[in-house]
Amino acid sequence: MKIFEVTGRGSTLAVRTIDRYADEIGRDSMDYDMFKKSAELLDKEMLKSLAQHIENSDTAPREYVMKVIAKKDPETFKKMYGDQDGYFSLMKPQKELTDDMSKGMNKYGLSAVNKDGKFYSYKDDKLTGTFDNIEDLRKHQQDLIKDESLEEGADFYGYYKDPKDPEGKTFTYPKDMEFKTPHRSNASARMLLSRIGLDPDFENTGSTPIDDFLDATDKYLRMNVSDKDNPYYDEVEVYDQEAKRFKKQHPEITHVGFN
């Protein structure tokens, strides 16, 4: 579960590409940790730390990460390297880069600010500690919510408007409904939704029209057909099939989502 999480852009195509490539080469690769950390720092918009991490890495993985960011997130690449061109390995990051972590609290009430090289942790807007590095900050915040996080998780449901509600504001699901997908962590559910281009903040945005969900899964599967052996592809296919099963066996269902 992604414990230390701040709101912002969320997962981008560049983040997903780098993260997926790390999974493809596997943990036995000497570059696995480099790619995973790059994806994590990019996802959190910690551009100063990311630039330093890239610069301290070997040439081949460094150029791969920079190439992906340049191609799939040119706005961020421009922030990091300005208008430089030529060989990626010769580029130097902008001096004014910062790790912008002041993006509000997450669902656990956690937030963090990086100021003058110090990391300040907050829970429910109250300062809980000051740290010299991101690793100590993350461990501290994980300890703060270790009891709360045990209860999190989500299942994939099919919904329709409750006929007993005259205002049509309440949703319900078929009482004889059978669920064939596993219980997921909230973080895993958010990653799946983000992967198929839907709003990952399901805790606050609620369910999705079933046809919109199927359009999203169908688009992902068609665009990534060359990656059929990838676990991400398999996961999307599972939920695509489950939504289609909902629609066939329970035609009254109009929406699907995690709850």
C-alpha atoms as a PDB file:
ATOM      1  CA  MET A   1       0.000   0.000   0.000  1.00  0.00           C
ATOM      2  CA  LYS A   2       1.258   3.464  -0.866  1.00  0.00           C
ATOM      3  CA  ILE A   3       1.250   4.990   2.618  1.00  0.00           C
ATOM      4  CA  PHE A   4       2.947   8.337   1.992  1.00  0.00           C
ATOM      5  CA  GLU A   5       0.682   9.942  -0.550  1.00  0.00           C
ATOM      6  CA  VAL A   6      -0.027  13.567  -1.354  1.00  0.00           C
ATOM      7  CA  THR A   7      -2.647  14.857  -3.710  1.00  0.00           C
ATOM      8  CA  GLY A   8      -1.615  16.254  -7.080  1.00  0.00           C
ATOM      9  CA  ARG A   9      -1.478  15.041 -10.652  1.00  0.00           C
ATOM     10  CA  GLY A  10      -1.420  11.423  -9.585  1.00  0.00           C
ATOM     11  CA  SER A  11       0.077   8.756 -11.815  1.00  0.00           C
ATOM     12  CA  THR A  12       1.025   9.957 -15.313  1.00  0.00           C
ATOM     13  CA  LEU A  13       1.833   8.046 -18.469  1.00  0.00           C
ATOM     14  CA  ALA A  14       5.540   8.640 -17.857  1.00  0.00           C
ATOM     15  CA  VAL A  15       5.275   7.259 -14.315  1.00  0.00           C
ATOM     16  CA  ARG A  16       3.393   4.176 -15.469  1.00  0.00           C
ATOM     17  CA  THR A  17       5.837   3.551 -18.332  1.00  0.00           C
ATOM     18  CA  ILE A  18       8.903   3.638 -16.080  1.00  0.00           C
ATOM     19  CA  ASP A  19       7.222   1.611 -13.350  1.00  0.00           C
ATOM     20  CA  ARG A  20       6.008  -1.011 -15.817  1.00  0.00           C
ATOM     21  CA  TYR A  21       9.463  -1.318 -17.360  1.00  0.00           C
ATOM     22  CA  ALA A  22      10.926  -1.981 -13.911  1.00  0.00           C
ATOM     23  CA  ASP A  23       8.447  -4.821 -13.464  1.00  0.00           C
ATOM     24  CA  GLU A  24       9.317  -6.189 -16.899  1.00  0.00           C
ATOM     25  CA  ILE A  25      13.059  -6.406 -16.235  1.00  0.00           C
ATOM     26  CA  GLY A  26      12.388  -7.850 -12.768  1.00  0.00           C
ATOM     27  CA  ARG A  27      13.908  -7.505  -9.327  1.00  0.00           C
ATOM     28  CA  ASP A  28      17.031  -9.408 -10.363  1.00  0.00           C
ATOM     29  CA  SER A  29      18.057  -6.562 -12.654  1.00  0.00           C
ATOM     30  CA  MET A  30      20.619  -4.147 -11.251  1.00  0.00           C
ATOM     31  CA  ASP A  31      18.507  -1.261 -12.621  1.00  0.00           C
ATOM     32  CA  TYR A  32      15.199  -2.349 -11.035  1.00  0.00           C
ATOM     33  CA  ASP A  33      15.502  -0.121  -7.946  1.00  0.00           C
ATOM     34  CA  MET A  34      16.643   2.830 -10.046  1.00  0.00           C
ATOM     35  CA  PHE A  35      13.521   2.677 -12.202  1.00  0.00           C
ATOM     36  CA  LYS A  36      11.168   2.090  -9.283  1.00  0.00           C
ATOM     37  CA  LYS A  37      12.557   5.032  -7.332  1.00  0.00           C
ATOM     38  CA  SER A  38      12.443   7.238 -10.442  1.00  0.00           C
ATOM     39  CA  ALA A  39       8.759   6.419 -10.950  1.00  0.00           C
ATOM     40  CA  GLU A  40       8.009   7.101  -7.287  1.00  0.00           C
ATOM     41  CA  LEU A  41       9.796  10.456  -7.214  1.00  0.00           C
ATOM     42  CA  LEU A  42       8.223  11.528 -10.507  1.00  0.00           C
ATOM     43  CA  ASP A  43       4.759  10.552  -9.283  1.00  0.00           C
ATOM     44  CA  LYS A  44       5.235  12.716  -6.184  1.00  0.00           C
ATOM     45  CA  GLU A  45       6.669  15.601  -8.251  1.00  0.00           C
ATOM     46  CA  MET A  46       9.839  15.555  -6.169  1.00  0.00           C
ATOM     47  CA  LEU A  47      11.780  16.949  -9.082  1.00  0.00           C
ATOM     48  CA  LYS A  48      14.911  18.004  -7.202  1.00  0.00           C
ATOM     49  CA  SER A  49      15.345  14.543  -5.682  1.00  0.00           C
ATOM     50  CA  LEU A  50      14.486  12.915  -9.009  1.00  0.00           C
ATOM     51  CA  ALA A  51      17.090  14.956 -10.898  1.00  0.00           C
ATOM     52  CA  GLN A  52      19.732  14.071  -8.334  1.00  0.00           C
ATOM     53  CA  HIS A  53      18.737  10.411  -8.443  1.00  0.00           C
ATOM     54  CA  ILE A  54      18.953  10.381 -12.240  1.00  0.00           C
ATOM     55  CA  GLU A  55      22.318  12.154 -12.263  1.00  0.00           C
ATOM     56  CA  ASN A  56      23.785   9.641  -9.786  1.00  0.00           C
ATOM     57  CA  SER A  57      22.669   6.654 -11.865  1.00  0.00           C
ATOM     58  CA  ASP A  58      24.442   4.740 -14.633  1.00  0.00           C
ATOM     59  CA  THR A  59      24.261   6.105 -18.171  1.00  0.00           C
ATOM     60  CA  ALA A  60      21.848   3.583 -19.712  1.00  0.00           C
ATOM     61  CA  PRO A  61      19.071   3.736 -17.084  1.00  0.00           C
ATOM     62  CA  ARG A  62      19.586   7.498 -16.730  1.00  0.00           C
ATOM     63  CA  GLU A  63      19.023   8.064 -20.441  1.00  0.00           C
ATOM     64  CA  TYR A  64      16.005   5.752 -20.491  1.00  0.00           C
ATOM     65  CA  VAL A  65      14.244   7.646 -17.676  1.00  0.00           C
ATOM     66  CA  MET A  66      15.045  11.030 -19.207  1.00  0.00           C
ATOM     67  CA  LYS A  67      13.864   9.872 -22.633  1.00  0.00           C
ATOM     68  CA  VAL A  68      10.535   8.633 -21.221  1.00  0.00           C
ATOM     69  CA  ILE A  69       9.921  11.880 -19.342  1.00  0.00           C
ATOM     70  CA  ALA A  70      10.869  13.970 -22.381  1.00  0.00           C
ATOM     71  CA  LYS A  71       8.499  12.030 -24.629  1.00  0.00           C
ATOM     72  CA  LYS A  72       5.539  11.361 -22.343  1.00  0.00           C
ATOM     73  CA  ASP A  73       5.700  14.318 -19.926  1.00  0.00           C
ATOM     74  CA  PRO A  74       7.448  17.151 -21.801  1.00  0.00           C
ATOM     75  CA  GLU A  75       6.137  19.802 -19.406  1.00  0.00           C
ATOM     76  CA  THR A  76       7.915  18.184 -16.464  1.00  0.00           C
ATOM     77  CA  PHE A  77      11.029  17.579 -18.560  1.00  0.00           C
ATOM     78  CA  LYS A  78      11.153  21.282 -19.393  1.00  0.00           C
ATOM     79  CA  LYS A  79      10.892  22.130 -15.681  1.00  0.00           C
ATOM     80  CA  MET A  80      13.801  19.814 -14.958  1.00  0.00           C
ATOM     81  CA  TYR A  81      16.121  20.555 -17.890  1.00  0.00           C
ATOM     82  CA  GLY A  82      14.858  23.706 -19.539  1.00  0.00           C
ATOM     83  CA  ASP A  83      15.465  24.044 -23.276  1.00  0.00           C
ATOM     84  CA  GLN A  84      18.595  21.891 -23.420  1.00  0.00           C
ATOM     85  CA  ASP A  85      18.931  19.534 -26.357  1.00  0.00           C
ATOM     86  CA  GLY A  86      21.411  16.953 -27.501  1.00  0.00           C
ATOM     87  CA  TYR A  87      22.552  13.932 -25.525  1.00  0.00           C
ATOM     88  CA  PHE A  88      20.527  13.298 -22.381  1.00  0.00           C
ATOM     89  CA  SER A  89      23.658  12.182 -20.521  1.00  0.00           C
ATOM     90  CA  LEU A  90      25.195  15.658 -20.936  1.00  0.00           C
ATOM     91  CA  MET A  91      22.188  17.619 -19.657  1.00  0.00           C
ATOM     92  CA  LYS A  92      22.255  19.251 -16.248  1.00  0.00           C
ATOM     93  CA  PRO A  93      19.106  19.841 -14.166  1.00  0.00           C
ATOM     94  CA  GLN A  94      17.823  23.334 -13.469  1.00  0.00           C
ATOM     95  CA  LYS A  95      19.273  24.819 -10.282  1.00  0.00           C
ATOM     96  CA  GLU A  96      15.933  26.116  -8.983  1.00  0.00           C
ATOM     97  CA  LEU A  97      14.298  22.675  -8.814  1.00  0.00           C
ATOM     98  CA  THR A  98      12.431  21.859  -5.601  1.00  0.00           C
ATOM     99  CA  ASP A  99      10.644  18.926  -4.033  1.00  0.00           C
ATOM    100  CA  ASP A 100       7.132  20.321  -3.865  1.00  0.00           C
ATOM    101  CA  MET A 101       5.361  18.246  -1.242  1.00  0.00           C
ATOM    102  CA  SER A 102       2.945  20.862   0.068  1.00  0.00           C
ATOM    103  CA  LYS A 103      -0.075  19.521  -1.854  1.00  0.00           C
ATOM    104  CA  GLY A 104      -2.576  18.977   0.936  1.00  0.00           C
ATOM    105  CA  MET A 105      -3.470  16.037   3.112  1.00  0.00           C
ATOM    106  CA  ASN A 106      -4.391  12.562   1.982  1.00  0.00           C
ATOM    107  CA  LYS A 107      -7.346  10.486   3.166  1.00  0.00           C
ATOM    108  CA  TYR A 108      -5.553   9.706   6.452  1.00  0.00           C
ATOM    109  CA  GLY A 109      -5.121  13.405   7.238  1.00  0.00           C
ATOM    110  CA  LEU A 110      -1.409  13.260   6.407  1.00  0.00           C
ATOM    111  CA  SER A 111       0.525  15.965   4.625  1.00  0.00           C
ATOM    112  CA  ALA A 112       4.145  17.031   4.389  1.00  0.00           C
ATOM    113  CA  VAL A 113       6.222  20.059   3.509  1.00  0.00           C
ATOM    114  CA  ASN A 114       9.837  20.170   2.370  1.00  0.00           C
ATOM    115  CA  LYS A 115      11.443  23.458   3.399  1.00  0.00           C
ATOM    116  CA  ASP A 116      15.138  24.295   3.377  1.00  0.00           C
ATOM    117  CA  GLY A 117      16.097  20.633   3.237  1.00  0.00           C
ATOM    118  CA  LYS A 118      13.904  19.609   6.185  1.00  0.00           C
ATOM    119  CA  PHE A 119      10.759  17.477   5.936  1.00  0.00           C
ATOM    120  CA  TYR A 120       7.842  18.500   8.153  1.00  0.00           C
ATOM    121  CA  SER A 121       5.125  15.928   8.832  1.00  0.00           C
ATOM    122  CA  TYR A 122       1.531  16.909   9.634  1.00  0.00           C
ATOM    123  CA  LYS A 123      -1.537  14.932  10.594  1.00  0.00           C
ATOM    124  CA  ASP A 124      -4.863  16.752  10.621  1.00  0.00           C
ATOM    125  CA  ASP A 125      -2.885  20.015  10.239  1.00  0.00           C
ATOM    126  CA  LYS A 126      -0.847  19.352  13.398  1.00  0.00           C
ATOM    127  CA  LEU A 127       2.939  19.036  13.241  1.00  0.00           C
ATOM    128  CA  THR A 128       4.012  15.496  14.173  1.00  0.00           C
ATOM    129  CA  GLY A 129       7.732  15.592  13.444  1.00  0.00           C
ATOM    130  CA  THR A 130      10.665  17.048  11.534  1.00  0.00           C
ATOM    131  CA  PHE A 131      13.065  14.880   9.529  1.00  0.00           C
ATOM    132  CA  ASP A 132      16.264  15.159   7.518  1.00  0.00           C
ATOM    133  CA  ASN A 133      15.243  12.762   4.747  1.00  0.00           C
ATOM    134  CA  ILE A 134      12.207  11.358   2.977  1.00  0.00           C
ATOM    135  CA  GLU A 135      12.801   7.798   4.203  1.00  0.00           C
ATOM    136  CA  ASP A 136      12.489   8.782   7.872  1.00  0.00           C
ATOM    137  CA  LEU A 137       9.439  10.900   7.054  1.00  0.00           C
ATOM    138  CA  ARG A 138       7.725   8.008   5.282  1.00  0.00           C
ATOM    139  CA  LYS A 139       8.430   5.584   8.156  1.00  0.00           C
ATOM    140  CA  HIS A 140       7.093   8.092  10.674  1.00  0.00           C
ATOM    141  CA  GLN A 141       3.874   8.656   8.730  1.00  0.00           C
ATOM    142  CA  GLN A 142       3.401   4.934   8.221  1.00  0.00           C
ATOM    143  CA  ASP A 143       3.644   4.440  11.994  1.00  0.00           C
ATOM    144  CA  LEU A 144       1.080   7.206  12.517  1.00  0.00           C
ATOM    145  CA  ILE A 145      -1.591   5.363  10.538  1.00  0.00           C
ATOM    146  CA  LYS A 146      -0.632   1.711  10.956  1.00  0.00           C
ATOM    147  CA  ASP A 147      -3.822   0.997  12.885  1.00  0.00           C
ATOM    148  CA  GLU A 148      -6.066   2.987  10.520  1.00  0.00           C
ATOM    149  CA  SER A 149      -4.649   1.368   7.387  1.00  0.00           C
ATOM    150  CA  LEU A 150      -5.517  -2.158   8.529  1.00  0.00           C
ATOM    151  CA  GLU A 151      -9.189  -1.553   7.798  1.00  0.00           C
ATOM    152  CA  GLU A 152      -8.790  -0.184   4.293  1.00  0.00           C
ATOM    153  CA  GLY A 153      -9.711  -2.123   1.190  1.00  0.00           C
ATOM    154  CA  ALA A 154     -12.270  -2.245  -1.581  1.00  0.00           C
ATOM    155  CA  ASP A 155     -14.396  -4.677  -3.593  1.00  0.00           C
ATOM    156  CA  PHE A 156     -15.678  -4.242  -7.152  1.00  0.00           C
ATOM    157  CA  TYR A 157     -19.472  -3.784  -7.233  1.00  0.00           C
ATOM    158  CA  GLY A 158     -22.223  -3.190  -9.751  1.00  0.00           C
ATOM    159  CA  TYR A 159     -24.890  -0.593  -8.824  1.00  0.00           C
ATOM    160  CA  TYR A 160     -28.239   0.797  -9.897  1.00  0.00           C
ATOM    161  CA  LYS A 161     -30.554   3.448  -8.477  1.00  0.00           C
ATOM    162  CA  ASP A 162     -32.555   2.195  -5.539  1.00  0.00           C
ATOM    163  CA  PRO A 163     -36.237   2.077  -6.612  1.00  0.00           C
ATOM    164  CA  LYS A 164     -37.201   2.738  -2.982  1.00  0.00           C
ATOM    165  CA  ASP A 165     -35.625   6.192  -3.141  1.00  0.00           C
ATOM    166  CA  PRO A 166     -38.125   8.572  -4.839  1.00  0.00           C
ATOM    167  CA  GLU A 167     -35.382  11.170  -5.370  1.00  0.00           C
ATOM    168  CA  GLY A 168     -33.124   8.691  -7.169  1.00  0.00           C
ATOM    169  CA  LYS A 169     -30.054   9.656  -5.166  1.00  0.00           C
ATOM    170  CA  THR A 170     -29.357   6.292  -3.552  1.00  0.00           C
ATOM    171  CA  PHE A 171     -27.654   3.376  -5.267  1.00  0.00           C
ATOM    172  CA  THR A 172     -27.977  -0.289  -4.406  1.00  0.00           C
ATOM    173  CA  TYR A 173     -26.808  -3.595  -5.892  1.00  0.00           C
ATOM    174  CA  PRO A 174     -28.532  -6.915  -6.666  1.00  0.00           C
ATOM    175  CA  LYS A 175     -29.016  -8.950  -3.502  1.00  0.00           C
ATOM    176  CA  ASP A 176     -28.078 -12.226  -5.250  1.00  0.00           C
ATOM    177  CA  MET A 177     -24.980 -10.733  -6.812  1.00  0.00           C
ATOM    178  CA  GLU A 178     -21.886 -12.942  -7.015  1.00  0.00           C
ATOM    179  CA  PHE A 179     -18.463 -11.330  -6.788  1.00  0.00           C
ATOM    180  CA  LYS A 180     -15.562 -12.969  -8.605  1.00  0.00           C
ATOM    181  CA  THR A 181     -12.815 -10.383  -8.223  1.00  0.00           C
ATOM    182  CA  PRO A 182     -10.521 -10.256  -5.170  1.00  0.00           C
ATOM    183  CA  HIS A 183     -10.645  -7.780  -2.307  1.00  0.00           C
ATOM    184  CA  ARG A 184      -8.134  -5.035  -3.137  1.00  0.00           C
ATOM    185  CA  SER A 185      -6.286  -2.420  -1.162  1.00  0.00           C
ATOM    186  CA  ASN A 186      -7.478   1.115  -1.818  1.00  0.00           C
ATOM    187  CA  ALA A 187      -4.106   1.873  -3.362  1.00  0.00           C
ATOM    188  CA  SER A 188      -4.401  -1.035  -5.807  1.00  0.00           C
ATOM    189  CA  ALA A 189      -7.900   0.045  -6.800  1.00  0.00           C
ATOM    190  CA  ARG A 190      -6.694   3.594  -7.419  1.00  0.00           C
ATOM    191  CA  MET A 191      -3.813   2.344  -9.558  1.00  0.00           C
ATOM    192  CA  LEU A 192      -6.170   0.267 -11.696  1.00  0.00           C
ATOM    193  CA  LEU A 193      -8.540   3.174 -12.274  1.00  0.00           C
ATOM    194  CA  SER A 194      -5.666   5.485 -13.111  1.00  0.00           C
ATOM    195  CA  ARG A 195      -4.233   2.922 -15.527  1.00  0.00           C
ATOM    196  CA  ILE A 196      -7.421   2.880 -17.596  1.00  0.00           C
ATOM    197  CA  GLY A 197      -7.793   6.659 -17.538  1.00  0.00           C
ATOM    198  CA  LEU A 198     -10.534   7.020 -14.916  1.00  0.00           C
ATOM    199  CA  ASP A 199     -10.494   9.193 -11.808  1.00  0.00           C
ATOM    200  CA  PRO A 200      -8.552   7.178  -9.196  1.00  0.00           C
ATOM    201  CA  ASP A 201     -10.108   8.988  -6.222  1.00  0.00           C
ATOM    202  CA  PHE A 202     -12.979   6.489  -5.974  1.00  0.00           C
ATOM    203  CA  GLU A 203     -13.476   7.150  -2.250  1.00  0.00           C
ATOM    204  CA  ASN A 204     -14.739  10.640  -3.091  1.00  0.00           C
ATOM    205  CA  THR A 205     -15.994  10.428  -6.684  1.00  0.00           C
ATOM    206  CA  GLY A 206     -18.132   7.289  -6.344  1.00  0.00           C
ATOM    207  CA  SER A 207     -19.143   4.860  -9.069  1.00  0.00           C
ATOM    208  CA  THR A 208     -18.726   5.055 -12.869  1.00  0.00           C
ATOM    209  CA  PRO A 209     -21.384   4.401 -15.534  1.00  0.00           C
ATOM    210  CA  ILE A 210     -20.805   0.813 -16.607  1.00  0.00           C
ATOM    211  CA  ASP A 211     -20.580   1.708 -20.311  1.00  0.00           C
ATOM    212  CA  ASP A 212     -17.929   4.341 -19.557  1.00  0.00           C
ATOM    213  CA  PHE A 213     -15.972   1.787 -17.545  1.00  0.00           C
ATOM    214  CA  LEU A 214     -16.144  -0.756 -20.356  1.00  0.00           C
ATOM    215  CA  ASP A 215     -15.098   1.875 -22.895  1.00  0.00           C
ATOM    216  CA  ALA A 216     -12.057   2.624 -20.737  1.00  0.00           C
ATOM    217  CA  THR A 217     -11.041  -1.019 -20.287  1.00  0.00           C
ATOM    218  CA  ASP A 218     -11.633  -1.769 -23.969  1.00  0.00           C
ATOM    219  CA  LYS A 219      -9.464   1.177 -25.010  1.00  0.00           C
ATOM    220  CA  TYR A 220      -6.649   0.104 -22.674  1.00  0.00           C
ATOM    221  CA  LEU A 221      -6.754  -3.504 -23.863  1.00  0.00           C
ATOM    222  CA  ARG A 222      -6.713  -2.490 -27.526  1.00  0.00           C
ATOM    223  CA  MET A 223      -3.867  -0.015 -27.079  1.00  0.00           C
ATOM    224  CA  ASN A 224      -1.759  -2.445 -25.076  1.00  0.00           C
ATOM    225  CA  VAL A 225      -2.490  -5.667 -26.948  1.00  0.00           C
ATOM    226  CA  SER A 226       1.245  -6.196 -27.478  1.00  0.00           C
ATOM    227  CA  ASP A 227       1.652  -6.491 -23.690  1.00  0.00           C
ATOM    228  CA  LYS A 228      -0.770  -9.358 -23.174  1.00  0.00           C
ATOM    229  CA  ASP A 229       1.713 -11.167 -20.925  1.00  0.00           C
ATOM    230  CA  ASN A 230       2.051  -8.138 -18.670  1.00  0.00           C
ATOM    231  CA  PRO A 231       0.309  -8.487 -15.252  1.00  0.00           C
ATOM    232  CA  TYR A 232      -1.170  -4.999 -15.647  1.00  0.00           C
ATOM    233  CA  TYR A 233      -2.888  -6.089 -18.857  1.00  0.00           C
ATOM    234  CA  ASP A 234      -4.203  -9.219 -17.156  1.00  0.00           C
ATOM    235  CA  GLU A 235      -5.591  -7.176 -14.282  1.00  0.00           C
ATOM    236  CA  VAL A 236      -7.502  -4.825 -16.573  1.00  0.00           C
ATOM    237  CA  GLU A 237      -8.829  -7.789 -18.524  1.00  0.00           C
ATOM    238  CA  VAL A 238     -10.163  -9.365 -15.308  1.00  0.00           C
ATOM    239  CA  TYR A 239     -12.221  -6.271 -14.474  1.00  0.00           C
ATOM    240  CA  ASP A 240     -13.320  -5.851 -18.080  1.00  0.00           C
ATOM    241  CA  GLN A 241     -14.717  -9.385 -18.008  1.00  0.00           C
ATOM    242  CA  GLU A 242     -16.302  -8.865 -14.605  1.00  0.00           C
ATOM    243  CA  ALA A 243     -18.097  -5.695 -15.724  1.00  0.00           C
ATOM    244  CA  LYS A 244     -19.349  -7.516 -18.817  1.00  0.00           C
ATOM    245  CA  ARG A 245     -20.600 -10.345 -16.601  1.00  0.00           C
ATOM    246  CA  PHE A 246     -22.434  -7.809 -14.426  1.00  0.00           C
ATOM    247  CA  LYS A 247     -24.106  -6.324 -17.476  1.00  0.00           C
ATOM    248  CA  LYS A 248     -25.166  -9.702 -18.854  1.00  0.00           C
ATOM    249  CA  GLN A 249     -26.406 -11.305 -15.633  1.00  0.00           C
ATOM    250  CA  HIS A 250     -27.821  -8.149 -14.047  1.00  0.00           C
ATOM    251  CA  PRO A 251     -29.072  -5.807 -16.800  1.00  0.00           C
ATOM    252  CA  GLU A 252     -30.453  -3.465 -14.153  1.00  0.00           C
ATOM    253  CA  ILE A 253     -26.917  -2.440 -13.223  1.00  0.00           C
ATOM    254  CA  THR A 254     -25.992   1.015 -14.532  1.00  0.00           C
ATOM    255  CA  HIS A 255     -22.777   1.784 -12.644  1.00  0.00           C
ATOM    256  CA  VAL A 256     -19.702  -0.036 -11.378  1.00  0.00           C
ATOM    257  CA  GLY A 257     -16.995   0.893  -8.926  1.00  0.00           C
ATOM    258  CA  PHE A 258     -14.914   0.025  -5.883  1.00  0.00           C
ATOM    259  CA  ASN A 259     -16.372   0.259  -2.408  1.00  0.00           C
END
